[in-house]
Amino acid sequence: MLVGTWAAADRAISFYRRHGFEQVSPERTSALLKTYWAIPDRQIETSVVLANPPLDAGL
């Protein structure tokens, strides 16, 4: 599962981390946001994506 939120949304990010989500790298974040969300580039620059299970699990 992927969730996207504003990078400045500290409380939301903390909530998701408490529930097993891990923040995706900035490089992957941009690609994921462009693939799964229809948002402007400016919003992509100020957003993060968190994943559960982590995208790098098992690597």
N, C-alpha and C. Protein backbone atom coordinates (compact mmCIF):
# COMPACT_ATOMS: atom_id res chain seq x y z
N MET A 1 0.84 -1.16 0.00
CA MET A 1 0.00 0.00 0.00
C MET A 1 0.89 1.23 0.00
N LEU A 2 0.52 2.19 -0.80
CA LEU A 2 1.25 3.46 -0.86
C LEU A 2 0.34 4.58 -0.36
N VAL A 3 0.92 5.52 0.36
CA VAL A 3 0.20 6.73 0.73
C VAL A 3 1.08 7.92 0.40
N GLY A 4 0.47 8.99 -0.03
CA GLY A 4 1.18 10.22 -0.31
C GLY A 4 0.69 11.32 0.60
N THR A 5 1.59 12.18 1.03
CA THR A 5 1.22 13.30 1.88
C THR A 5 2.24 14.42 1.67
N TRP A 6 1.92 15.58 2.21
CA TRP A 6 2.85 16.70 2.16
C TRP A 6 4.09 16.37 2.98
N ALA A 7 5.25 16.75 2.53
CA ALA A 7 6.49 16.52 3.26
C ALA A 7 6.48 17.22 4.61
N ALA A 8 5.76 18.31 4.74
CA ALA A 8 5.69 19.07 5.99
C ALA A 8 4.64 18.53 6.96
N ALA A 9 3.93 17.48 6.59
CA ALA A 9 2.86 16.92 7.44
C ALA A 9 3.48 15.94 8.44
N ASP A 10 4.24 16.47 9.37
CA ASP A 10 4.97 15.65 10.33
C ASP A 10 4.06 14.69 11.10
N ARG A 11 2.91 15.16 11.51
CA ARG A 11 2.01 14.29 12.28
C ARG A 11 1.49 13.13 11.44
N ALA A 12 1.17 13.38 10.19
CA ALA A 12 0.70 12.31 9.31
C ALA A 12 1.82 11.31 9.05
N ILE A 13 3.01 11.79 8.78
CA ILE A 13 4.14 10.91 8.53
C ILE A 13 4.43 10.06 9.76
N SER A 14 4.40 10.66 10.94
CA SER A 14 4.61 9.90 12.18
C SER A 14 3.54 8.84 12.37
N PHE A 15 2.29 9.17 12.08
CA PHE A 15 1.19 8.22 12.17
C PHE A 15 1.46 7.00 11.28
N TYR A 16 1.78 7.25 10.03
CA TYR A 16 2.02 6.15 9.11
C TYR A 16 3.23 5.32 9.52
N ARG A 17 4.27 5.95 9.99
CA ARG A 17 5.45 5.20 10.44
C ARG A 17 5.12 4.31 11.63
N ARG A 18 4.30 4.82 12.54
CA ARG A 18 3.88 4.00 13.69
C ARG A 18 3.12 2.76 13.25
N HIS A 19 2.54 2.81 12.07
CA HIS A 19 1.74 1.70 11.56
C HIS A 19 2.47 0.90 10.48
N GLY A 20 3.80 0.96 10.49
CA GLY A 20 4.59 0.09 9.65
C GLY A 20 4.99 0.62 8.28
N PHE A 21 4.64 1.86 7.98
CA PHE A 21 5.02 2.43 6.69
C PHE A 21 6.43 3.00 6.79
N GLU A 22 7.13 2.95 5.67
CA GLU A 22 8.45 3.57 5.59
C GLU A 22 8.47 4.53 4.42
N GLN A 23 9.18 5.64 4.61
CA GLN A 23 9.25 6.65 3.57
C GLN A 23 10.08 6.15 2.40
N VAL A 24 9.59 6.40 1.20
CA VAL A 24 10.24 6.00 -0.04
C VAL A 24 11.29 7.05 -0.39
N SER A 25 12.36 6.64 -1.03
CA SER A 25 13.42 7.57 -1.42
C SER A 25 12.86 8.67 -2.33
N PRO A 26 13.48 9.86 -2.32
CA PRO A 26 12.99 10.96 -3.16
C PRO A 26 12.93 10.60 -4.65
N GLU A 27 13.89 9.82 -5.13
CA GLU A 27 13.89 9.45 -6.54
C GLU A 27 12.68 8.58 -6.88
N ARG A 28 12.40 7.62 -6.03
CA ARG A 28 11.24 6.75 -6.26
C ARG A 28 9.94 7.49 -6.01
N THR A 29 9.95 8.43 -5.07
CA THR A 29 8.74 9.20 -4.77
C THR A 29 8.23 9.90 -6.01
N SER A 30 9.11 10.59 -6.71
CA SER A 30 8.71 11.33 -7.90
C SER A 30 8.09 10.39 -8.93
N ALA A 31 8.74 9.26 -9.17
CA ALA A 31 8.22 8.31 -10.16
C ALA A 31 6.87 7.74 -9.74
N LEU A 32 6.73 7.40 -8.46
CA LEU A 32 5.46 6.86 -7.98
C LEU A 32 4.33 7.89 -8.06
N LEU A 33 4.63 9.12 -7.66
CA LEU A 33 3.59 10.16 -7.72
C LEU A 33 3.14 10.40 -9.15
N LYS A 34 4.07 10.38 -10.09
CA LYS A 34 3.70 10.59 -11.49
C LYS A 34 2.93 9.40 -12.06
N THR A 35 3.17 8.22 -11.53
CA THR A 35 2.50 7.01 -12.02
C THR A 35 1.10 6.86 -11.45
N TYR A 36 0.93 7.08 -10.14
CA TYR A 36 -0.32 6.75 -9.47
C TYR A 36 -1.19 7.93 -9.07
N TRP A 37 -0.66 9.14 -9.15
CA TRP A 37 -1.43 10.32 -8.77
C TRP A 37 -1.41 11.32 -9.91
N ALA A 38 -2.47 12.04 -10.06
CA ALA A 38 -2.54 13.12 -11.05
C ALA A 38 -2.42 14.45 -10.30
N ILE A 39 -1.17 14.85 -10.05
CA ILE A 39 -0.92 16.08 -9.31
C ILE A 39 0.11 16.92 -10.04
N PRO A 40 0.09 18.22 -9.82
CA PRO A 40 1.06 19.10 -10.49
C PRO A 40 2.49 18.86 -10.00
N ASP A 41 3.45 19.22 -10.83
CA ASP A 41 4.86 19.06 -10.48
C ASP A 41 5.21 19.77 -9.18
N ARG A 42 4.64 20.93 -8.95
CA ARG A 42 4.94 21.67 -7.71
C ARG A 42 4.51 20.87 -6.49
N GLN A 43 3.40 20.16 -6.59
CA GLN A 43 2.95 19.34 -5.47
C GLN A 43 3.86 18.13 -5.30
N ILE A 44 4.35 17.59 -6.39
CA ILE A 44 5.29 16.47 -6.31
C ILE A 44 6.54 16.89 -5.54
N GLU A 45 7.00 18.10 -5.79
CA GLU A 45 8.20 18.61 -5.12
C GLU A 45 8.02 18.72 -3.61
N THR A 46 6.79 18.85 -3.14
CA THR A 46 6.53 19.06 -1.70
C THR A 46 5.83 17.88 -1.06
N SER A 47 5.90 16.72 -1.71
CA SER A 47 5.20 15.54 -1.20
C SER A 47 6.18 14.40 -0.91
N VAL A 48 5.71 13.46 -0.10
CA VAL A 48 6.44 12.23 0.17
C VAL A 48 5.48 11.06 -0.05
N VAL A 49 6.06 9.90 -0.27
CA VAL A 49 5.29 8.67 -0.37
C VAL A 49 5.83 7.72 0.68
N LEU A 50 4.90 7.04 1.35
CA LEU A 50 5.26 6.01 2.32
C LEU A 50 4.66 4.70 1.85
N ALA A 51 5.35 3.59 2.14
CA ALA A 51 4.92 2.28 1.66
C ALA A 51 4.88 1.28 2.81
N ASN A 52 3.90 0.39 2.75
CA ASN A 52 3.80 -0.72 3.69
C ASN A 52 3.24 -1.91 2.95
N PRO A 53 4.02 -2.97 2.74
CA PRO A 53 5.38 -3.13 3.26
C PRO A 53 6.35 -2.21 2.53
N PRO A 54 7.51 -1.98 3.13
CA PRO A 54 8.50 -1.12 2.49
C PRO A 54 8.84 -1.62 1.08
N LEU A 55 9.04 -0.71 0.15
CA LEU A 55 9.34 -1.10 -1.22
C LEU A 55 10.64 -1.88 -1.35
N ASP A 56 11.58 -1.64 -0.46
CA ASP A 56 12.87 -2.30 -0.55
C ASP A 56 12.92 -3.58 0.28
N ALA A 57 11.78 -4.00 0.83
CA ALA A 57 11.76 -5.22 1.64
C ALA A 57 12.16 -6.42 0.77
N GLY A 58 13.03 -7.21 1.29
CA GLY A 58 13.46 -8.41 0.58
C GLY A 58 14.58 -8.20 -0.41
N LEU A 59 15.08 -6.97 -0.55
CA LEU A 59 16.20 -6.74 -1.47
C LEU A 59 17.52 -7.02 -0.78
